[in-house]
Amino acid sequence: MNDKMKLEIAEELGLLEKVNATGWKSLTAKESGRIGGILARRKKKMEKAVT
């Protein structure tokens, strides 16, 4: 589930081509942090919706 969400977020941020071409390691710290922050927010929101 995390990988799918990460790919969706990367696509929304316009980074999916870069990830597909060169892998996750090619992202800058800022780009990775942005994806991680959005992922954390979405996971937290999903957990609240379940409870």
N, C-alpha and C. Protein backbone atom coordinates (compact mmCIF):
# COMPACT_ATOMS: atom_id res chain seq x y z
N MET A 1 0.82 -1.19 0.00
CA MET A 1 0.00 0.00 0.00
C MET A 1 0.87 1.26 0.00
N ASN A 2 1.94 1.26 0.79
CA ASN A 2 2.81 2.43 0.84
C ASN A 2 3.44 2.73 -0.52
N ASP A 3 3.88 1.68 -1.21
CA ASP A 3 4.51 1.90 -2.51
C ASP A 3 3.53 2.50 -3.51
N LYS A 4 2.30 2.00 -3.49
CA LYS A 4 1.28 2.53 -4.40
C LYS A 4 1.02 4.00 -4.09
N MET A 5 0.91 4.32 -2.80
CA MET A 5 0.65 5.70 -2.40
C MET A 5 1.83 6.60 -2.77
N LYS A 6 3.04 6.09 -2.58
CA LYS A 6 4.23 6.88 -2.94
C LYS A 6 4.24 7.19 -4.44
N LEU A 7 3.90 6.21 -5.25
CA LEU A 7 3.85 6.43 -6.69
C LEU A 7 2.77 7.44 -7.06
N GLU A 8 1.62 7.36 -6.42
CA GLU A 8 0.55 8.32 -6.68
C GLU A 8 0.98 9.74 -6.33
N ILE A 9 1.64 9.89 -5.20
CA ILE A 9 2.10 11.21 -4.76
C ILE A 9 3.18 11.73 -5.70
N ALA A 10 4.11 10.87 -6.09
CA ALA A 10 5.16 11.26 -7.03
C ALA A 10 4.54 11.75 -8.34
N GLU A 11 3.50 11.06 -8.78
CA GLU A 11 2.82 11.47 -10.02
C GLU A 11 2.18 12.84 -9.83
N GLU A 12 1.52 13.06 -8.71
CA GLU A 12 0.87 14.34 -8.44
C GLU A 12 1.88 15.49 -8.41
N LEU A 13 3.08 15.20 -7.93
CA LEU A 13 4.11 16.23 -7.83
C LEU A 13 4.93 16.37 -9.11
N GLY A 14 4.62 15.55 -10.10
CA GLY A 14 5.35 15.62 -11.37
C GLY A 14 6.71 14.95 -11.32
N LEU A 15 6.90 14.01 -10.40
CA LEU A 15 8.19 13.35 -10.22
C LEU A 15 8.19 11.90 -10.70
N LEU A 16 7.07 11.41 -11.17
CA LEU A 16 6.97 10.00 -11.53
C LEU A 16 7.93 9.61 -12.65
N GLU A 17 8.06 10.46 -13.66
CA GLU A 17 8.98 10.16 -14.76
C GLU A 17 10.41 10.02 -14.25
N LYS A 18 10.80 10.91 -13.38
CA LYS A 18 12.15 10.88 -12.81
C LYS A 18 12.36 9.60 -12.02
N VAL A 19 11.38 9.21 -11.23
CA VAL A 19 11.47 7.99 -10.42
C VAL A 19 11.54 6.77 -11.33
N ASN A 20 10.71 6.73 -12.36
CA ASN A 20 10.71 5.60 -13.28
C ASN A 20 12.01 5.49 -14.06
N ALA A 21 12.58 6.64 -14.43
CA ALA A 21 13.79 6.64 -15.24
C ALA A 21 15.04 6.31 -14.43
N THR A 22 15.13 6.87 -13.22
CA THR A 22 16.39 6.75 -12.48
C THR A 22 16.25 6.19 -11.07
N GLY A 23 15.03 5.90 -10.63
CA GLY A 23 14.81 5.31 -9.32
C GLY A 23 14.61 6.35 -8.23
N TRP A 24 14.19 5.85 -7.07
CA TRP A 24 13.90 6.72 -5.93
C TRP A 24 15.15 7.44 -5.43
N LYS A 25 16.32 6.83 -5.58
CA LYS A 25 17.56 7.43 -5.07
C LYS A 25 17.95 8.70 -5.81
N SER A 26 17.36 8.93 -6.97
CA SER A 26 17.70 10.12 -7.75
C SER A 26 16.99 11.37 -7.25
N LEU A 27 16.01 11.21 -6.37
CA LEU A 27 15.29 12.36 -5.84
C LEU A 27 16.15 13.14 -4.86
N THR A 28 15.93 14.43 -4.82
CA THR A 28 16.64 15.26 -3.85
C THR A 28 16.01 15.05 -2.48
N ALA A 29 16.70 15.50 -1.45
CA ALA A 29 16.18 15.39 -0.09
C ALA A 29 14.86 16.15 0.03
N LYS A 30 14.77 17.28 -0.62
CA LYS A 30 13.55 18.09 -0.58
C LYS A 30 12.38 17.35 -1.22
N GLU A 31 12.63 16.72 -2.37
CA GLU A 31 11.58 15.97 -3.06
C GLU A 31 11.14 14.76 -2.24
N SER A 32 12.11 14.05 -1.69
CA SER A 32 11.79 12.87 -0.86
C SER A 32 11.02 13.28 0.39
N GLY A 33 11.43 14.35 0.99
CA GLY A 33 10.75 14.86 2.19
C GLY A 33 9.33 15.27 1.90
N ARG A 34 9.12 15.88 0.77
CA ARG A 34 7.77 16.29 0.37
C ARG A 34 6.87 15.07 0.21
N ILE A 35 7.38 14.05 -0.47
CA ILE A 35 6.61 12.82 -0.66
C ILE A 35 6.33 12.18 0.70
N GLY A 36 7.34 12.10 1.55
CA GLY A 36 7.18 11.50 2.87
C GLY A 36 6.17 12.24 3.73
N GLY A 37 6.20 13.55 3.67
CA GLY A 37 5.26 14.36 4.45
C GLY A 37 3.83 14.17 4.00
N ILE A 38 3.62 14.16 2.71
CA ILE A 38 2.27 13.95 2.17
C ILE A 38 1.80 12.55 2.50
N LEU A 39 2.69 11.56 2.37
CA LEU A 39 2.36 10.17 2.69
C LEU A 39 1.93 10.04 4.15
N ALA A 40 2.67 10.66 5.05
CA ALA A 40 2.35 10.59 6.47
C ALA A 40 0.99 11.22 6.76
N ARG A 41 0.71 12.37 6.13
CA ARG A 41 -0.57 13.03 6.33
C ARG A 41 -1.73 12.16 5.85
N ARG A 42 -1.54 11.56 4.69
CA ARG A 42 -2.62 10.71 4.14
C ARG A 42 -2.86 9.48 4.99
N LYS A 43 -1.78 8.87 5.48
CA LYS A 43 -1.93 7.70 6.32
C LYS A 43 -2.65 8.05 7.62
N LYS A 44 -2.31 9.19 8.19
CA LYS A 44 -2.95 9.66 9.42
C LYS A 44 -4.44 9.92 9.17
N LYS A 45 -4.74 10.55 8.03
CA LYS A 45 -6.12 10.84 7.67
C LYS A 45 -6.91 9.54 7.48
N MET A 46 -6.29 8.54 6.85
CA MET A 46 -6.95 7.25 6.63
C MET A 46 -7.22 6.55 7.96
N GLU A 47 -6.28 6.62 8.89
CA GLU A 47 -6.46 5.99 10.20
C GLU A 47 -7.62 6.64 10.96
N LYS A 48 -7.73 7.95 10.87
CA LYS A 48 -8.83 8.65 11.53
C LYS A 48 -10.17 8.25 10.92
N ALA A 49 -10.20 8.07 9.61
CA ALA A 49 -11.44 7.71 8.92
C ALA A 49 -11.91 6.32 9.32
N VAL A 50 -10.98 5.43 9.64
CA VAL A 50 -11.31 4.05 10.00
C VAL A 50 -11.88 3.99 11.42
N THR A 51 -11.38 4.83 12.30
CA THR A 51 -11.84 4.79 13.69
C THR A 51 -13.06 5.62 13.93
